[in-house]
Structures are given as C-alpha cells and as structure tokens.
Amino acid sequence: MTLKYSTELKYPRPADVVIKMFTDRAYFEKKYQSMDVTDFKVDTVVTGDPFTIRCRYSAAGDINVPDFAKKLIGEAIRVTQTDVWQVAKRTGTIDIEILGAPVSVHADMKLVSSGAGSVLKLDWQFRCSIPLLGGKIEKLIAEDVERRTAMDARVSIKLLEAYA
C-alpha cells in the first residue's frame, strides 16, 4: 500500500535565488538548528549538478506515533534524509529513511517561477510494509511530514533573505 499526496510551498524570491539556497550546505545546517531536531549531522555533500546532501538527525517533539510503533522506532524518530537536486532543471528528490521502521518516504520536487517568487512542488509517497496497519502508519507519518514541511518552509523563507 502506498499513500500519496502533493503540496506546494511558496517562496517570495525567484527560483534562481531559491535553488541557490537549496544547494548550500550552510542552509541545511542553519535550517535544522531552527527546527525541533537533535543530533543533527551532515553525512555527505556532493556539490555541482546534481547536488546531493545527506543529513542525519533525531526528530523530537510531539510525534503522533501509536504505542506499538514506538516499540519499533523509540520515542524519538531517527532520520536519514537525502536531498538530490538536478540544479539546471530545478528538479529533485527527497528520500527519508526512518531507523528501525518499515517505512519509506519519497518526494519528487520541482521548483518553478511564479510571478516575482517561486513555488516548490512536492509529490510525496509513503509506504509501510506492515500488513493491515501499514495504511494507518503511512497516514501518521504523512501528517508528521506535512507538519514538518510547513515548519521547514517558514524557516526557509527567513533564511532566504541571506541569498537575495
């Protein structure tokens, strides 16, 4: 079973400015310092086109995970997130691994100009391999990712000022 949904994040700067931010290691370091994560570490950075960054962190806070799932993943969700950007095309992917969880999270990204600003279009896919309960877990993970994506956008808009 796979849960899919799409979202759009609006940025008040042109796409060429936003992609510059999305392909800067310092942006990721500052962004995660401003969010509810701990143990943040940049694992891998490959600059150029494509640009790749892999980060590891623990996602704390009010995670709405049922008790049986907490037995698998613990109180804090330990995450490895890999962002890959085809810089010239302004397209990319996000892959999220949750340590100890039979869940995969993937997003296709496309950054497009929109008036004086830009829009990041995200097409998400959530997959859980647990029979019968997989759909419920996918929905819970999707809700958490949606909440964190909105927080990410708010922080990113503030950080975008440094790239204008």
N, C-alpha and C. Protein backbone atom coordinates (compact mmCIF):
# COMPACT_ATOMS: atom_id res chain seq x y z
N MET A 1 0.85 -1.18 0.00
CA MET A 1 0.00 0.00 0.00
C MET A 1 0.89 1.24 0.00
N THR A 2 0.48 2.24 -0.71
CA THR A 2 1.23 3.49 -0.77
C THR A 2 0.27 4.66 -0.63
N LEU A 3 0.63 5.58 0.24
CA LEU A 3 -0.13 6.81 0.40
C LEU A 3 0.58 7.91 -0.37
N LYS A 4 -0.16 8.68 -1.15
CA LYS A 4 0.43 9.76 -1.94
C LYS A 4 -0.30 11.06 -1.65
N TYR A 5 0.45 12.16 -1.63
CA TYR A 5 -0.17 13.47 -1.60
C TYR A 5 0.82 14.50 -2.14
N SER A 6 0.29 15.63 -2.55
CA SER A 6 1.10 16.70 -3.12
C SER A 6 0.91 17.96 -2.31
N THR A 7 1.95 18.78 -2.29
CA THR A 7 1.88 20.07 -1.61
C THR A 7 2.73 21.07 -2.38
N GLU A 8 2.43 22.34 -2.18
CA GLU A 8 3.20 23.41 -2.80
C GLU A 8 3.61 24.41 -1.73
N LEU A 9 4.88 24.79 -1.78
CA LEU A 9 5.41 25.79 -0.84
C LEU A 9 5.80 27.02 -1.65
N LYS A 10 5.34 28.18 -1.20
CA LYS A 10 5.60 29.43 -1.93
C LYS A 10 6.74 30.18 -1.28
N TYR A 11 7.62 30.70 -2.13
CA TYR A 11 8.77 31.48 -1.68
C TYR A 11 8.72 32.87 -2.33
N PRO A 12 9.09 33.91 -1.59
CA PRO A 12 8.98 35.28 -2.10
C PRO A 12 10.18 35.73 -2.95
N ARG A 13 10.97 34.81 -3.42
CA ARG A 13 12.12 35.12 -4.26
C ARG A 13 12.08 34.27 -5.52
N PRO A 14 12.75 34.72 -6.60
CA PRO A 14 12.78 33.95 -7.85
C PRO A 14 13.43 32.57 -7.65
N ALA A 15 13.09 31.66 -8.53
CA ALA A 15 13.57 30.29 -8.44
C ALA A 15 15.10 30.20 -8.47
N ASP A 16 15.78 31.08 -9.21
CA ASP A 16 17.25 31.01 -9.25
C ASP A 16 17.87 31.35 -7.90
N VAL A 17 17.21 32.18 -7.10
CA VAL A 17 17.70 32.50 -5.76
C VAL A 17 17.40 31.34 -4.81
N VAL A 18 16.21 30.77 -4.92
CA VAL A 18 15.81 29.68 -4.04
C VAL A 18 16.67 28.44 -4.27
N ILE A 19 16.96 28.12 -5.53
CA ILE A 19 17.79 26.94 -5.81
C ILE A 19 19.20 27.14 -5.27
N LYS A 20 19.67 28.36 -5.27
CA LYS A 20 20.98 28.67 -4.68
C LYS A 20 20.98 28.30 -3.20
N MET A 21 19.89 28.62 -2.50
CA MET A 21 19.78 28.28 -1.08
C MET A 21 19.68 26.77 -0.90
N PHE A 22 18.85 26.11 -1.70
CA PHE A 22 18.63 24.67 -1.57
C PHE A 22 19.88 23.84 -1.87
N THR A 23 20.89 24.45 -2.46
CA THR A 23 22.11 23.72 -2.80
C THR A 23 23.32 24.25 -2.00
N ASP A 24 23.02 24.75 -0.81
CA ASP A 24 24.06 25.30 0.06
C ASP A 24 24.06 24.53 1.39
N ARG A 25 25.17 23.90 1.72
CA ARG A 25 25.29 23.15 2.97
C ARG A 25 24.94 24.02 4.18
N ALA A 26 25.39 25.27 4.19
CA ALA A 26 25.13 26.16 5.33
C ALA A 26 23.63 26.35 5.56
N TYR A 27 22.85 26.37 4.48
CA TYR A 27 21.39 26.49 4.61
C TYR A 27 20.84 25.33 5.43
N PHE A 28 21.26 24.11 5.12
CA PHE A 28 20.76 22.94 5.84
C PHE A 28 21.15 23.00 7.32
N GLU A 29 22.39 23.40 7.58
CA GLU A 29 22.85 23.50 8.97
C GLU A 29 22.04 24.52 9.74
N LYS A 30 21.80 25.69 9.15
CA LYS A 30 21.02 26.73 9.83
C LYS A 30 19.56 26.33 9.97
N LYS A 31 19.01 25.71 8.93
CA LYS A 31 17.61 25.30 8.97
C LYS A 31 17.35 24.31 10.10
N TYR A 32 18.17 23.28 10.18
CA TYR A 32 17.92 22.27 11.21
C TYR A 32 18.22 22.77 12.61
N GLN A 33 19.09 23.78 12.76
CA GLN A 33 19.30 24.39 14.06
C GLN A 33 18.03 25.10 14.54
N SER A 34 17.19 25.53 13.59
CA SER A 34 15.97 26.27 13.92
C SER A 34 14.75 25.36 14.08
N MET A 35 14.91 24.07 13.84
CA MET A 35 13.77 23.16 13.90
C MET A 35 13.92 22.23 15.09
N ASP A 36 12.85 21.46 15.37
CA ASP A 36 12.87 20.58 16.55
C ASP A 36 13.55 19.25 16.24
N VAL A 37 14.86 19.33 15.94
CA VAL A 37 15.66 18.14 15.72
C VAL A 37 16.87 18.18 16.65
N THR A 38 17.41 17.01 16.95
CA THR A 38 18.63 16.90 17.76
C THR A 38 19.61 16.01 17.02
N ASP A 39 20.81 15.97 17.48
CA ASP A 39 21.86 15.12 16.91
C ASP A 39 22.03 15.32 15.41
N PHE A 40 21.89 16.55 14.95
CA PHE A 40 21.99 16.84 13.51
C PHE A 40 23.43 16.67 13.03
N LYS A 41 23.57 16.02 11.89
CA LYS A 41 24.88 15.83 11.29
C LYS A 41 24.73 15.76 9.78
N VAL A 42 25.60 16.47 9.06
CA VAL A 42 25.66 16.34 7.60
C VAL A 42 26.60 15.19 7.31
N ASP A 43 26.09 14.17 6.64
CA ASP A 43 26.86 12.98 6.29
C ASP A 43 27.65 13.16 5.00
N THR A 44 26.96 13.63 3.98
CA THR A 44 27.52 13.67 2.63
C THR A 44 27.08 14.94 1.93
N VAL A 45 28.00 15.56 1.22
CA VAL A 45 27.66 16.67 0.35
C VAL A 45 28.42 16.47 -0.95
N VAL A 46 27.69 16.48 -2.05
CA VAL A 46 28.29 16.44 -3.37
C VAL A 46 27.82 17.70 -4.08
N THR A 47 28.73 18.62 -4.33
CA THR A 47 28.35 19.88 -4.97
C THR A 47 28.38 19.73 -6.48
N GLY A 48 27.76 20.68 -7.14
CA GLY A 48 27.69 20.66 -8.60
C GLY A 48 26.28 20.33 -9.04
N ASP A 49 26.19 19.75 -10.22
CA ASP A 49 24.89 19.40 -10.80
C ASP A 49 24.97 17.96 -11.28
N PRO A 50 24.44 17.00 -10.54
CA PRO A 50 23.50 17.17 -9.44
C PRO A 50 24.18 17.51 -8.11
N PHE A 51 23.40 18.15 -7.24
CA PHE A 51 23.81 18.46 -5.88
C PHE A 51 23.14 17.42 -4.98
N THR A 52 23.91 16.85 -4.05
CA THR A 52 23.38 15.85 -3.12
C THR A 52 23.81 16.22 -1.71
N ILE A 53 22.88 16.12 -0.77
CA ILE A 53 23.22 16.27 0.64
C ILE A 53 22.45 15.23 1.43
N ARG A 54 23.16 14.54 2.34
CA ARG A 54 22.55 13.55 3.21
C ARG A 54 22.76 14.01 4.65
N CYS A 55 21.66 14.14 5.38
CA CYS A 55 21.69 14.60 6.76
C CYS A 55 21.08 13.53 7.66
N ARG A 56 21.58 13.46 8.88
CA ARG A 56 21.03 12.57 9.90
C ARG A 56 20.61 13.42 11.09
N TYR A 57 19.48 13.06 11.69
CA TYR A 57 19.02 13.77 12.88
C TYR A 57 17.96 12.96 13.59
N SER A 58 17.67 13.36 14.80
CA SER A 58 16.56 12.78 15.56
C SER A 58 15.45 13.81 15.59
N ALA A 59 14.27 13.38 15.23
CA ALA A 59 13.10 14.25 15.21
C ALA A 59 12.37 14.09 16.53
N ALA A 60 12.42 15.12 17.34
CA ALA A 60 11.77 15.08 18.64
C ALA A 60 10.42 15.77 18.54
N GLY A 61 9.88 16.15 19.66
CA GLY A 61 8.63 16.90 19.65
C GLY A 61 7.41 16.02 19.75
N ASP A 62 6.29 16.57 19.36
CA ASP A 62 5.00 15.89 19.53
C ASP A 62 4.71 14.96 18.35
N ILE A 63 5.42 13.86 18.30
CA ILE A 63 5.23 12.89 17.22
C ILE A 63 4.06 11.99 17.59
N ASN A 64 3.08 11.93 16.73
CA ASN A 64 1.87 11.17 16.97
C ASN A 64 2.06 9.75 16.43
N VAL A 65 2.74 8.90 17.22
CA VAL A 65 3.01 7.53 16.81
C VAL A 65 2.36 6.60 17.82
N PRO A 66 1.61 5.58 17.33
CA PRO A 66 0.97 4.66 18.27
C PRO A 66 2.00 3.88 19.09
N ASP A 67 1.58 3.37 20.24
CA ASP A 67 2.49 2.68 21.16
C ASP A 67 3.20 1.51 20.50
N PHE A 68 2.51 0.71 19.66
CA PHE A 68 3.17 -0.44 19.06
C PHE A 68 4.29 0.00 18.12
N ALA A 69 4.13 1.15 17.47
CA ALA A 69 5.17 1.65 16.56
C ALA A 69 6.34 2.22 17.35
N LYS A 70 6.07 2.82 18.50
CA LYS A 70 7.15 3.35 19.34
C LYS A 70 8.08 2.23 19.78
N LYS A 71 7.55 1.02 19.92
CA LYS A 71 8.40 -0.12 20.28
C LYS A 71 9.43 -0.39 19.18
N LEU A 72 9.06 -0.12 17.93
CA LEU A 72 9.97 -0.33 16.80
C LEU A 72 11.00 0.79 16.68
N ILE A 73 10.54 2.04 16.83
CA ILE A 73 11.41 3.17 16.49
C ILE A 73 11.85 4.00 17.69
N GLY A 74 11.27 3.77 18.87
CA GLY A 74 11.66 4.52 20.05
C GLY A 74 10.87 5.82 20.19
N GLU A 75 11.19 6.58 21.20
CA GLU A 75 10.48 7.83 21.48
C GLU A 75 10.80 8.93 20.47
N ALA A 76 12.05 8.97 20.01
CA ALA A 76 12.45 9.95 19.00
C ALA A 76 12.69 9.21 17.68
N ILE A 77 12.25 9.79 16.62
CA ILE A 77 12.45 9.19 15.31
C ILE A 77 13.83 9.59 14.80
N ARG A 78 14.65 8.58 14.49
CA ARG A 78 15.99 8.83 13.94
C ARG A 78 15.90 8.75 12.42
N VAL A 79 16.31 9.83 11.77
CA VAL A 79 16.06 10.03 10.35
C VAL A 79 17.37 10.21 9.59
N THR A 80 17.42 9.63 8.39
CA THR A 80 18.45 9.96 7.41
C THR A 80 17.69 10.50 6.21
N GLN A 81 18.00 11.73 5.82
CA GLN A 81 17.32 12.38 4.71
C GLN A 81 18.33 12.73 3.63
N THR A 82 18.02 12.33 2.41
CA THR A 82 18.89 12.62 1.27
C THR A 82 18.13 13.48 0.28
N ASP A 83 18.67 14.67 0.01
CA ASP A 83 18.11 15.58 -0.99
C ASP A 83 19.04 15.57 -2.19
N VAL A 84 18.50 15.39 -3.37
CA VAL A 84 19.27 15.43 -4.61
C VAL A 84 18.59 16.42 -5.55
N TRP A 85 19.35 17.39 -6.02
CA TRP A 85 18.82 18.40 -6.95
C TRP A 85 19.53 18.31 -8.29
N GLN A 86 18.75 18.24 -9.36
CA GLN A 86 19.25 18.47 -10.72
C GLN A 86 19.16 19.98 -10.87
N VAL A 87 20.25 20.66 -10.59
CA VAL A 87 20.24 22.11 -10.41
C VAL A 87 19.74 22.85 -11.65
N ALA A 88 20.25 22.53 -12.82
CA ALA A 88 19.87 23.24 -14.03
C ALA A 88 18.38 23.07 -14.35
N LYS A 89 17.84 21.90 -14.04
CA LYS A 89 16.42 21.62 -14.32
C LYS A 89 15.51 22.07 -13.17
N ARG A 90 16.12 22.35 -12.00
CA ARG A 90 15.38 22.71 -10.78
C ARG A 90 14.39 21.62 -10.38
N THR A 91 14.83 20.38 -10.54
CA THR A 91 14.03 19.23 -10.10
C THR A 91 14.89 18.40 -9.17
N GLY A 92 14.22 17.63 -8.32
CA GLY A 92 14.99 16.82 -7.40
C GLY A 92 14.13 15.80 -6.68
N THR A 93 14.77 15.16 -5.72
CA THR A 93 14.09 14.15 -4.91
C THR A 93 14.51 14.31 -3.45
N ILE A 94 13.64 13.85 -2.59
CA ILE A 94 13.94 13.69 -1.16
C ILE A 94 13.64 12.23 -0.83
N ASP A 95 14.58 11.58 -0.17
CA ASP A 95 14.35 10.23 0.35
C ASP A 95 14.63 10.26 1.83
N ILE A 96 13.67 9.75 2.60
CA ILE A 96 13.77 9.75 4.05
C ILE A 96 13.73 8.31 4.54
N GLU A 97 14.74 7.94 5.32
CA GLU A 97 14.79 6.64 5.97
C GLU A 97 14.56 6.87 7.46
N ILE A 98 13.71 6.05 8.06
CA ILE A 98 13.47 6.13 9.50
C ILE A 98 14.05 4.87 10.11
N LEU A 99 15.08 5.05 10.93
CA LEU A 99 15.79 3.92 11.50
C LEU A 99 14.85 3.03 12.29
N GLY A 100 14.86 1.75 11.98
CA GLY A 100 14.07 0.77 12.71
C GLY A 100 12.62 0.68 12.29
N ALA A 101 12.22 1.45 11.31
CA ALA A 101 10.81 1.46 10.88
C ALA A 101 10.70 0.90 9.47
N PRO A 102 9.71 0.07 9.23
CA PRO A 102 9.49 -0.48 7.89
C PRO A 102 8.72 0.51 7.01
N VAL A 103 9.24 1.73 6.96
CA VAL A 103 8.57 2.82 6.26
C VAL A 103 9.55 3.46 5.30
N SER A 104 9.05 3.81 4.10
CA SER A 104 9.88 4.60 3.19
C SER A 104 9.10 5.85 2.81
N VAL A 105 9.83 6.94 2.69
CA VAL A 105 9.24 8.23 2.33
C VAL A 105 10.05 8.77 1.17
N HIS A 106 9.35 9.18 0.11
CA HIS A 106 10.00 9.72 -1.08
C HIS A 106 9.19 10.92 -1.57
N ALA A 107 9.89 11.92 -2.08
CA ALA A 107 9.21 13.06 -2.71
C ALA A 107 9.96 13.44 -3.98
N ASP A 108 9.19 13.73 -5.01
CA ASP A 108 9.73 14.35 -6.22
C ASP A 108 9.51 15.84 -6.06
N MET A 109 10.55 16.62 -6.38
CA MET A 109 10.48 18.07 -6.20
C MET A 109 10.63 18.77 -7.55
N LYS A 110 9.93 19.90 -7.66
CA LYS A 110 10.08 20.75 -8.84
C LYS A 110 9.93 22.19 -8.37
N LEU A 111 10.93 23.01 -8.66
CA LEU A 111 10.92 24.42 -8.30
C LEU A 111 10.61 25.22 -9.54
N VAL A 112 9.55 26.02 -9.49
CA VAL A 112 9.13 26.79 -10.67
C VAL A 112 8.94 28.26 -10.30
N SER A 113 9.17 29.11 -11.28
CA SER A 113 8.93 30.54 -11.08
C SER A 113 7.44 30.80 -11.03
N SER A 114 7.07 31.80 -10.22
CA SER A 114 5.67 32.17 -10.09
C SER A 114 5.62 33.66 -9.76
N GLY A 115 5.35 34.47 -10.77
CA GLY A 115 5.37 35.92 -10.57
C GLY A 115 6.76 36.37 -10.16
N ALA A 116 6.84 37.15 -9.09
CA ALA A 116 8.14 37.61 -8.59
C ALA A 116 8.78 36.57 -7.66
N GLY A 117 8.06 35.51 -7.34
CA GLY A 117 8.55 34.48 -6.43
C GLY A 117 8.70 33.15 -7.12
N SER A 118 8.56 32.09 -6.33
CA SER A 118 8.67 30.75 -6.86
C SER A 118 7.84 29.80 -6.00
N VAL A 119 7.62 28.61 -6.56
CA VAL A 119 6.84 27.58 -5.88
C VAL A 119 7.61 26.28 -5.95
N LEU A 120 7.71 25.61 -4.80
CA LEU A 120 8.30 24.28 -4.73
C LEU A 120 7.15 23.28 -4.68
N LYS A 121 7.05 22.46 -5.72
CA LYS A 121 6.01 21.44 -5.79
C LYS A 121 6.60 20.12 -5.30
N LEU A 122 5.93 19.51 -4.33
CA LEU A 122 6.38 18.26 -3.74
C LEU A 122 5.31 17.19 -3.93
N ASP A 123 5.68 16.08 -4.56
CA ASP A 123 4.80 14.94 -4.71
C ASP A 123 5.34 13.81 -3.82
N TRP A 124 4.65 13.56 -2.72
CA TRP A 124 5.09 12.62 -1.69
C TRP A 124 4.52 11.23 -1.90
N GLN A 125 5.30 10.23 -1.49
CA GLN A 125 4.85 8.83 -1.45
C GLN A 125 5.32 8.24 -0.11
N PHE A 126 4.39 7.64 0.60
CA PHE A 126 4.67 7.00 1.88
C PHE A 126 4.32 5.52 1.75
N ARG A 127 5.23 4.66 2.16
CA ARG A 127 4.99 3.23 2.05
C ARG A 127 5.40 2.57 3.37
N CYS A 128 4.52 1.69 3.87
CA CYS A 128 4.81 0.92 5.07
C CYS A 128 4.52 -0.54 4.78
N SER A 129 5.44 -1.42 5.14
CA SER A 129 5.32 -2.83 4.80
C SER A 129 4.63 -3.68 5.87
N ILE A 130 4.05 -3.07 6.89
CA ILE A 130 3.36 -3.84 7.92
C ILE A 130 1.94 -4.14 7.43
N PRO A 131 1.60 -5.43 7.32
CA PRO A 131 0.24 -5.78 6.88
C PRO A 131 -0.82 -5.23 7.83
N LEU A 132 -1.95 -4.91 7.28
CA LEU A 132 -3.14 -4.43 7.99
C LEU A 132 -2.98 -3.04 8.60
N LEU A 133 -1.87 -2.77 9.28
CA LEU A 133 -1.68 -1.49 9.95
C LEU A 133 -0.87 -0.50 9.12
N GLY A 134 -0.34 -0.95 8.00
CA GLY A 134 0.53 -0.10 7.19
C GLY A 134 -0.12 1.20 6.77
N GLY A 135 -1.38 1.16 6.36
CA GLY A 135 -2.08 2.36 5.92
C GLY A 135 -2.20 3.39 7.04
N LYS A 136 -2.46 2.93 8.25
CA LYS A 136 -2.58 3.85 9.39
C LYS A 136 -1.22 4.49 9.69
N ILE A 137 -0.17 3.68 9.65
CA ILE A 137 1.17 4.21 9.92
C ILE A 137 1.58 5.19 8.83
N GLU A 138 1.28 4.87 7.57
CA GLU A 138 1.58 5.80 6.47
C GLU A 138 0.91 7.14 6.70
N LYS A 139 -0.34 7.10 7.12
CA LYS A 139 -1.08 8.34 7.36
C LYS A 139 -0.45 9.15 8.50
N LEU A 140 -0.06 8.49 9.58
CA LEU A 140 0.56 9.19 10.71
C LEU A 140 1.90 9.81 10.31
N ILE A 141 2.70 9.06 9.56
CA ILE A 141 3.99 9.58 9.10
C ILE A 141 3.74 10.76 8.15
N ALA A 142 2.76 10.62 7.25
CA ALA A 142 2.45 11.70 6.31
C ALA A 142 2.02 12.97 7.05
N GLU A 143 1.22 12.84 8.10
CA GLU A 143 0.79 14.00 8.88
C GLU A 143 1.99 14.68 9.53
N ASP A 144 2.92 13.89 10.06
CA ASP A 144 4.11 14.46 10.68
C ASP A 144 4.98 15.15 9.64
N VAL A 145 5.16 14.52 8.48
CA VAL A 145 5.97 15.13 7.42
C VAL A 145 5.31 16.42 6.94
N GLU A 146 3.99 16.43 6.82
CA GLU A 146 3.29 17.64 6.39
C GLU A 146 3.49 18.78 7.38
N ARG A 147 3.42 18.47 8.67
CA ARG A 147 3.64 19.48 9.71
C ARG A 147 5.08 20.00 9.64
N ARG A 148 6.02 19.10 9.50
CA ARG A 148 7.43 19.49 9.43
C ARG A 148 7.75 20.24 8.14
N THR A 149 7.08 19.90 7.05
CA THR A 149 7.29 20.60 5.78
C THR A 149 6.84 22.06 5.90
N ALA A 150 5.72 22.29 6.57
CA ALA A 150 5.25 23.67 6.77
C ALA A 150 6.24 24.44 7.64
N MET A 151 6.78 23.78 8.69
CA MET A 151 7.77 24.42 9.56
C MET A 151 9.04 24.70 8.75
N ASP A 152 9.45 23.76 7.93
CA ASP A 152 10.63 23.91 7.07
C ASP A 152 10.47 25.13 6.17
N ALA A 153 9.29 25.30 5.58
CA ALA A 153 9.05 26.43 4.68
C ALA A 153 9.15 27.76 5.43
N ARG A 154 8.58 27.83 6.63
CA ARG A 154 8.66 29.08 7.42
C ARG A 154 10.11 29.43 7.74
N VAL A 155 10.89 28.45 8.17
CA VAL A 155 12.31 28.68 8.47
C VAL A 155 13.06 29.06 7.20
N SER A 156 12.79 28.37 6.10
CA SER A 156 13.49 28.61 4.84
C SER A 156 13.23 30.01 4.31
N ILE A 157 12.00 30.50 4.44
CA ILE A 157 11.69 31.85 3.97
C ILE A 157 12.52 32.88 4.73
N LYS A 158 12.70 32.66 6.04
CA LYS A 158 13.55 33.58 6.82
C LYS A 158 15.00 33.49 6.37
N LEU A 159 15.49 32.29 6.12
CA LEU A 159 16.88 32.11 5.70
C LEU A 159 17.12 32.60 4.28
N LEU A 160 16.09 32.66 3.47
CA LEU A 160 16.19 33.09 2.08
C LEU A 160 16.72 34.51 1.93
N GLU A 161 16.48 35.33 2.94
CA GLU A 161 16.95 36.73 2.90
C GLU A 161 18.46 36.82 2.66
N ALA A 162 19.21 35.85 3.17
CA ALA A 162 20.67 35.86 3.02
C ALA A 162 21.11 35.56 1.59
N TYR A 163 20.21 35.06 0.76
CA TYR A 163 20.57 34.65 -0.60
C TYR A 163 20.09 35.64 -1.66
N ALA A 164 19.36 36.67 -1.26
CA ALA A 164 18.79 37.61 -2.22
C ALA A 164 19.85 38.47 -2.88
